[in-house]
PDB file of all heavy atoms in Angstrom:
ATOM      1  N   PRO A   1      56.643 -18.265 160.237  1.00  0.00           N
ATOM      2  CA  PRO A   1      56.366 -19.690 160.171  1.00  0.00           C
ATOM      3  C   PRO A   1      55.283 -19.999 159.141  1.00  0.00           C
ATOM      4  O   PRO A   1      54.121 -20.157 159.466  1.00  0.00           O
ATOM      5  CB  PRO A   1      55.909 -20.023 161.595  1.00  0.00           C
ATOM      6  CG  PRO A   1      55.318 -18.757 162.099  1.00  0.00           C
ATOM      7  CD  PRO A   1      56.089 -17.640 161.439  1.00  0.00           C
ATOM      8  N   THR A   2      55.665 -20.110 157.865  1.00  0.00           N
ATOM      9  CA  THR A   2      54.705 -20.230 156.771  1.00  0.00           C
ATOM     10  C   THR A   2      53.748 -21.385 156.971  1.00  0.00           C
ATOM     11  O   THR A   2      52.537 -21.244 156.889  1.00  0.00           O
ATOM     12  CB  THR A   2      55.465 -20.414 155.441  1.00  0.00           C
ATOM     13  OG1 THR A   2      56.442 -19.392 155.324  1.00  0.00           O
ATOM     14  CG2 THR A   2      54.517 -20.344 154.276  1.00  0.00           C
ATOM     15  N   THR A   3      54.285 -22.581 157.207  1.00  0.00           N
ATOM     16  CA  THR A   3      53.434 -23.749 157.382  1.00  0.00           C
ATOM     17  C   THR A   3      52.541 -23.594 158.596  1.00  0.00           C
ATOM     18  O   THR A   3      51.353 -23.911 158.570  1.00  0.00           O
ATOM     19  CB  THR A   3      54.302 -25.008 157.529  1.00  0.00           C
ATOM     20  OG1 THR A   3      55.157 -25.104 156.406  1.00  0.00           O
ATOM     21  CG2 THR A   3      53.437 -26.250 157.612  1.00  0.00           C
ATOM     22  N   CYS A   4      53.088 -23.061 159.670  1.00  0.00           N
ATOM     23  CA  CYS A   4      52.309 -22.906 160.893  1.00  0.00           C
ATOM     24  C   CYS A   4      51.217 -21.854 160.748  1.00  0.00           C
ATOM     25  O   CYS A   4      50.159 -21.970 161.353  1.00  0.00           O
ATOM     26  CB  CYS A   4      53.238 -22.543 162.043  1.00  0.00           C
ATOM     27  SG  CYS A   4      52.545 -22.856 163.657  1.00  0.00           S
ATOM     28  N   ILE A   5      51.473 -20.808 159.948  1.00  0.00           N
ATOM     29  CA  ILE A   5      50.439 -19.800 159.711  1.00  0.00           C
ATOM     30  C   ILE A   5      49.200 -20.457 159.136  1.00  0.00           C
ATOM     31  O   ILE A   5      48.071 -20.197 159.540  1.00  0.00           O
ATOM     32  CB  ILE A   5      50.967 -18.705 158.767  1.00  0.00           C
ATOM     33  CG1 ILE A   5      51.904 -17.772 159.539  1.00  0.00           C
ATOM     34  CG2 ILE A   5      49.830 -17.893 158.169  1.00  0.00           C
ATOM     35  CD1 ILE A   5      52.598 -16.764 158.674  1.00  0.00           C
ATOM     36  N   LEU A   6      49.385 -21.353 158.153  1.00  0.00           N
ATOM     37  CA  LEU A   6      48.243 -22.009 157.520  1.00  0.00           C
ATOM     38  C   LEU A   6      47.607 -23.044 158.429  1.00  0.00           C
ATOM     39  O   LEU A   6      46.404 -23.074 158.615  1.00  0.00           O
ATOM     40  CB  LEU A   6      48.700 -22.685 156.219  1.00  0.00           C
ATOM     41  CG  LEU A   6      48.968 -21.757 155.038  1.00  0.00           C
ATOM     42  CD1 LEU A   6      49.399 -22.585 153.835  1.00  0.00           C
ATOM     43  CD2 LEU A   6      47.751 -20.932 154.687  1.00  0.00           C
ATOM     44  N   MET A   7      48.429 -23.922 158.991  1.00  0.00           N
ATOM     45  CA  MET A   7      47.882 -25.050 159.730  1.00  0.00           C
ATOM     46  C   MET A   7      47.479 -24.711 161.149  1.00  0.00           C
ATOM     47  O   MET A   7      46.353 -24.932 161.567  1.00  0.00           O
ATOM     48  CB  MET A   7      48.883 -26.197 159.768  1.00  0.00           C
ATOM     49  CG  MET A   7      48.405 -27.388 160.584  1.00  0.00           C
ATOM     50  SD  MET A   7      49.614 -28.718 160.558  1.00  0.00           S
ATOM     51  CE  MET A   7      48.868 -29.843 161.741  1.00  0.00           C
ATOM     52  N   CYS A   8      48.411 -24.121 161.906  1.00  0.00           N
ATOM     53  CA  CYS A   8      48.190 -23.973 163.334  1.00  0.00           C
ATOM     54  C   CYS A   8      47.147 -22.928 163.667  1.00  0.00           C
ATOM     55  O   CYS A   8      46.452 -23.035 164.671  1.00  0.00           O
ATOM     56  CB  CYS A   8      49.509 -23.666 164.034  1.00  0.00           C
ATOM     57  SG  CYS A   8      50.698 -24.991 163.843  1.00  0.00           S
ATOM     58  N   ALA A   9      47.014 -21.910 162.860  1.00  0.00           N
ATOM     59  CA  ALA A   9      45.975 -20.923 163.107  1.00  0.00           C
ATOM     60  C   ALA A   9      44.605 -21.540 162.918  1.00  0.00           C
ATOM     61  O   ALA A   9      43.665 -21.247 163.661  1.00  0.00           O
ATOM     62  CB  ALA A   9      46.141 -19.737 162.168  1.00  0.00           C
ATOM     63  N   VAL A  10      44.479 -22.426 161.935  1.00  0.00           N
ATOM     64  CA  VAL A  10      43.209 -23.124 161.747  1.00  0.00           C
ATOM     65  C   VAL A  10      42.967 -24.098 162.885  1.00  0.00           C
ATOM     66  O   VAL A  10      41.856 -24.267 163.375  1.00  0.00           O
ATOM     67  CB  VAL A  10      43.181 -23.847 160.389  1.00  0.00           C
ATOM     68  CG1 VAL A  10      41.916 -24.658 160.233  1.00  0.00           C
ATOM     69  CG2 VAL A  10      43.276 -22.829 159.265  1.00  0.00           C
ATOM     70  N   VAL A  11      44.035 -24.755 163.342  1.00  0.00           N
ATOM     71  CA  VAL A  11      43.917 -25.627 164.497  1.00  0.00           C
ATOM     72  C   VAL A  11      43.389 -24.867 165.696  1.00  0.00           C
ATOM     73  O   VAL A  11      42.485 -25.295 166.406  1.00  0.00           O
ATOM     74  CB  VAL A  11      45.278 -26.259 164.832  1.00  0.00           C
ATOM     75  CG1 VAL A  11      45.233 -26.964 166.179  1.00  0.00           C
ATOM     76  CG2 VAL A  11      45.677 -27.242 163.744  1.00  0.00           C
ATOM     77  N   GLY A  12      43.959 -23.676 165.937  1.00  0.00           N
ATOM     78  CA  GLY A  12      43.504 -22.862 167.049  1.00  0.00           C
ATOM     79  C   GLY A  12      42.068 -22.443 166.881  1.00  0.00           C
ATOM     80  O   GLY A  12      41.295 -22.379 167.845  1.00  0.00           O
ATOM     81  N   ALA A  13      41.665 -22.143 165.654  1.00  0.00           N
ATOM     82  CA  ALA A  13      40.288 -21.760 165.391  1.00  0.00           C
ATOM     83  C   ALA A  13      39.338 -22.901 165.680  1.00  0.00           C
ATOM     84  O   ALA A  13      38.292 -22.736 166.304  1.00  0.00           O
ATOM     85  CB  ALA A  13      40.147 -21.322 163.938  1.00  0.00           C
ATOM     86  N   GLN A  14      39.693 -24.105 165.250  1.00  0.00           N
ATOM     87  CA  GLN A  14      38.837 -25.255 165.483  1.00  0.00           C
ATOM     88  C   GLN A  14      38.763 -25.590 166.961  1.00  0.00           C
ATOM     89  O   GLN A  14      37.747 -26.052 167.466  1.00  0.00           O
ATOM     90  CB  GLN A  14      39.365 -26.453 164.700  1.00  0.00           C
ATOM     91  CG  GLN A  14      39.195 -26.286 163.199  1.00  0.00           C
ATOM     92  CD  GLN A  14      39.911 -27.364 162.429  1.00  0.00           C
ATOM     93  OE1 GLN A  14      40.862 -27.957 162.916  1.00  0.00           O
ATOM     94  NE2 GLN A  14      39.470 -27.610 161.222  1.00  0.00           N
ATOM     95  N   ALA A  15      39.849 -25.336 167.667  1.00  0.00           N
ATOM     96  CA  ALA A  15      39.887 -25.676 169.078  1.00  0.00           C
ATOM     97  C   ALA A  15      38.893 -24.871 169.893  1.00  0.00           C
ATOM     98  O   ALA A  15      38.512 -25.265 170.986  1.00  0.00           O
ATOM     99  CB  ALA A  15      41.294 -25.477 169.627  1.00  0.00           C
ATOM    100  N   SER A  16      38.455 -23.710 169.372  1.00  0.00           N
ATOM    101  CA  SER A  16      37.516 -22.884 170.123  1.00  0.00           C
ATOM    102  C   SER A  16      36.129 -22.892 169.490  1.00  0.00           C
ATOM    103  O   SER A  16      35.274 -22.119 169.863  1.00  0.00           O
ATOM    104  CB  SER A  16      38.029 -21.452 170.172  1.00  0.00           C
ATOM    105  OG  SER A  16      38.089 -20.920 168.866  1.00  0.00           O
ATOM    106  N   ALA A  17      35.912 -23.789 168.509  1.00  0.00           N
ATOM    107  CA  ALA A  17      34.696 -23.720 167.729  1.00  0.00           C
ATOM    108  C   ALA A  17      33.509 -24.436 168.349  1.00  0.00           C
ATOM    109  O   ALA A  17      32.393 -24.264 167.889  1.00  0.00           O
ATOM    110  CB  ALA A  17      34.943 -24.290 166.328  1.00  0.00           C
ATOM    111  N   ALA A  18      33.713 -25.259 169.365  1.00  0.00           N
ATOM    112  CA  ALA A  18      32.590 -25.995 169.935  1.00  0.00           C
ATOM    113  C   ALA A  18      32.941 -26.413 171.354  1.00  0.00           C
ATOM    114  O   ALA A  18      34.102 -26.597 171.683  1.00  0.00           O
ATOM    115  CB  ALA A  18      32.281 -27.216 169.079  1.00  0.00           C
ATOM    116  N   PRO A  19      31.921 -26.591 172.238  1.00  0.00           N
ATOM    117  CA  PRO A  19      32.185 -26.963 173.612  1.00  0.00           C
ATOM    118  C   PRO A  19      32.826 -28.343 173.722  1.00  0.00           C
ATOM    119  O   PRO A  19      33.659 -28.576 174.572  1.00  0.00           O
ATOM    120  CB  PRO A  19      30.798 -26.939 174.252  1.00  0.00           C
ATOM    121  CG  PRO A  19      29.947 -26.130 173.339  1.00  0.00           C
ATOM    122  CD  PRO A  19      30.498 -26.336 171.976  1.00  0.00           C
ATOM    123  N   THR A  20      32.416 -29.312 172.856  1.00  0.00           N
ATOM    124  CA  THR A  20      32.942 -30.659 172.891  1.00  0.00           C
ATOM    125  C   THR A  20      33.594 -30.974 171.558  1.00  0.00           C
ATOM    126  O   THR A  20      32.973 -30.853 170.510  1.00  0.00           O
ATOM    127  CB  THR A  20      31.821 -31.677 173.168  1.00  0.00           C
ATOM    128  OG1 THR A  20      31.176 -31.342 174.401  1.00  0.00           O
ATOM    129  CG2 THR A  20      32.393 -33.077 173.263  1.00  0.00           C
ATOM    130  N   LEU A  21      34.837 -31.398 171.600  1.00  0.00           N
ATOM    131  CA  LEU A  21      35.597 -31.661 170.388  1.00  0.00           C
ATOM    132  C   LEU A  21      36.180 -33.065 170.444  1.00  0.00           C
ATOM    133  O   LEU A  21      36.427 -33.610 171.525  1.00  0.00           O
ATOM    134  CB  LEU A  21      36.727 -30.649 170.242  1.00  0.00           C
ATOM    135  CG  LEU A  21      36.306 -29.206 169.999  1.00  0.00           C
ATOM    136  CD1 LEU A  21      37.480 -28.274 170.275  1.00  0.00           C
ATOM    137  CD2 LEU A  21      35.816 -29.038 168.578  1.00  0.00           C
ATOM    138  N   PRO A  22      36.417 -33.692 169.295  1.00  0.00           N
ATOM    139  CA  PRO A  22      37.044 -35.014 169.291  1.00  0.00           C
ATOM    140  C   PRO A  22      38.493 -34.951 169.730  1.00  0.00           C
ATOM    141  O   PRO A  22      39.149 -33.916 169.608  1.00  0.00           O
ATOM    142  CB  PRO A  22      36.924 -35.450 167.821  1.00  0.00           C
ATOM    143  CG  PRO A  22      36.807 -34.188 167.053  1.00  0.00           C
ATOM    144  CD  PRO A  22      36.066 -33.230 167.943  1.00  0.00           C
ATOM    145  N   LEU A  23      38.998 -36.077 170.225  1.00  0.00           N
ATOM    146  CA  LEU A  23      40.374 -36.131 170.693  1.00  0.00           C
ATOM    147  C   LEU A  23      41.350 -35.840 169.556  1.00  0.00           C
ATOM    148  O   LEU A  23      42.360 -35.165 169.759  1.00  0.00           O
ATOM    149  CB  LEU A  23      40.670 -37.501 171.296  1.00  0.00           C
ATOM    150  CG  LEU A  23      42.088 -37.711 171.822  1.00  0.00           C
ATOM    151  CD1 LEU A  23      42.401 -36.763 172.971  1.00  0.00           C
ATOM    152  CD2 LEU A  23      42.288 -39.163 172.245  1.00  0.00           C
ATOM    153  N   TRP A  24      41.038 -36.346 168.352  1.00  0.00           N
ATOM    154  CA  TRP A  24      41.906 -36.067 167.209  1.00  0.00           C
ATOM    155  C   TRP A  24      41.082 -35.873 165.943  1.00  0.00           C
ATOM    156  O   TRP A  24      39.952 -36.356 165.832  1.00  0.00           O
ATOM    157  CB  TRP A  24      42.949 -37.174 166.999  1.00  0.00           C
ATOM    158  CG  TRP A  24      42.367 -38.546 166.731  1.00  0.00           C
ATOM    159  CD1 TRP A  24      42.145 -39.535 167.629  1.00  0.00           C
ATOM    160  CD2 TRP A  24      41.920 -39.051 165.450  1.00  0.00           C
ATOM    161  NE1 TRP A  24      41.592 -40.632 167.017  1.00  0.00           N
ATOM    162  CE2 TRP A  24      41.444 -40.366 165.674  1.00  0.00           C
ATOM    163  CE3 TRP A  24      41.875 -38.529 164.161  1.00  0.00           C
ATOM    164  CZ2 TRP A  24      40.947 -41.156 164.650  1.00  0.00           C
ATOM    165  CZ3 TRP A  24      41.357 -39.308 163.130  1.00  0.00           C
ATOM    166  CH2 TRP A  24      40.910 -40.611 163.380  1.00  0.00           C
ATOM    167  N   GLU A  25      41.661 -35.151 165.003  1.00  0.00           N
ATOM    168  CA  GLU A  25      41.073 -34.923 163.683  1.00  0.00           C
ATOM    169  C   GLU A  25      42.185 -34.994 162.654  1.00  0.00           C
ATOM    170  O   GLU A  25      43.302 -34.558 162.913  1.00  0.00           O
ATOM    171  CB  GLU A  25      40.392 -33.560 163.603  1.00  0.00           C
ATOM    172  CG  GLU A  25      39.201 -33.407 164.508  1.00  0.00           C
ATOM    173  CD  GLU A  25      38.624 -31.997 164.479  1.00  0.00           C
ATOM    174  OE1 GLU A  25      39.239 -31.116 163.844  1.00  0.00           O
ATOM    175  OE2 GLU A  25      37.572 -31.784 165.109  1.00  0.00           O
ATOM    176  N   ALA A  26      41.868 -35.542 161.487  1.00  0.00           N
ATOM    177  CA  ALA A  26      42.832 -35.615 160.392  1.00  0.00           C
ATOM    178  C   ALA A  26      42.184 -35.064 159.137  1.00  0.00           C
ATOM    179  O   ALA A  26      40.985 -35.258 158.910  1.00  0.00           O
ATOM    180  CB  ALA A  26      43.294 -37.054 160.164  1.00  0.00           C
ATOM    181  N   GLY A  27      42.967 -34.357 158.335  1.00  0.00           N
ATOM    182  CA  GLY A  27      42.394 -33.781 157.134  1.00  0.00           C
ATOM    183  C   GLY A  27      43.444 -33.212 156.210  1.00  0.00           C
ATOM    184  O   GLY A  27      44.630 -33.550 156.294  1.00  0.00           O
ATOM    185  N   VAL A  28      43.002 -32.336 155.345  1.00  0.00           N
ATOM    186  CA  VAL A  28      43.867 -31.679 154.374  1.00  0.00           C
ATOM    187  C   VAL A  28      43.646 -30.178 154.480  1.00  0.00           C
ATOM    188  O   VAL A  28      42.505 -29.726 154.661  1.00  0.00           O
ATOM    189  CB  VAL A  28      43.560 -32.149 152.935  1.00  0.00           C
ATOM    190  CG1 VAL A  28      44.401 -31.379 151.929  1.00  0.00           C
ATOM    191  CG2 VAL A  28      43.811 -33.640 152.802  1.00  0.00           C
ATOM    192  N   ILE A  29      44.724 -29.428 154.377  1.00  0.00           N
ATOM    193  CA  ILE A  29      44.619 -27.982 154.425  1.00  0.00           C
ATOM    194  C   ILE A  29      45.383 -27.381 153.247  1.00  0.00           C
ATOM    195  O   ILE A  29      46.433 -27.901 152.845  1.00  0.00           O
ATOM    196  CB  ILE A  29      45.172 -27.432 155.760  1.00  0.00           C
ATOM    197  CG1 ILE A  29      44.967 -25.923 155.862  1.00  0.00           C
ATOM    198  CG2 ILE A  29      46.635 -27.774 155.940  1.00  0.00           C
ATOM    199  CD1 ILE A  29      45.300 -25.368 157.235  1.00  0.00           C
ATOM    200  N   GLY A  30      44.832 -26.360 152.662  1.00  0.00           N
ATOM    201  CA  GLY A  30      45.497 -25.682 151.558  1.00  0.00           C
ATOM    202  C   GLY A  30      45.241 -24.192 151.638  1.00  0.00           C
ATOM    203  O   GLY A  30      44.232 -23.742 152.187  1.00  0.00           O
ATOM    204  N   GLY A  31      46.174 -23.423 151.099  1.00  0.00           N
ATOM    205  CA  GLY A  31      46.002 -21.976 151.145  1.00  0.00           C
ATOM    206  C   GLY A  31      47.172 -21.264 150.524  1.00  0.00           C
ATOM    207  O   GLY A  31      48.030 -21.861 149.872  1.00  0.00           O
TER     208      GLY A  31
END
């Protein structure tokens, strides 16, 4: 899953990066 490798792995990383996170985030990803 090429697109998911780039996007979703970063999503998973951000999801564990802090105790409190915003409901949604929007941005740009490249790799």
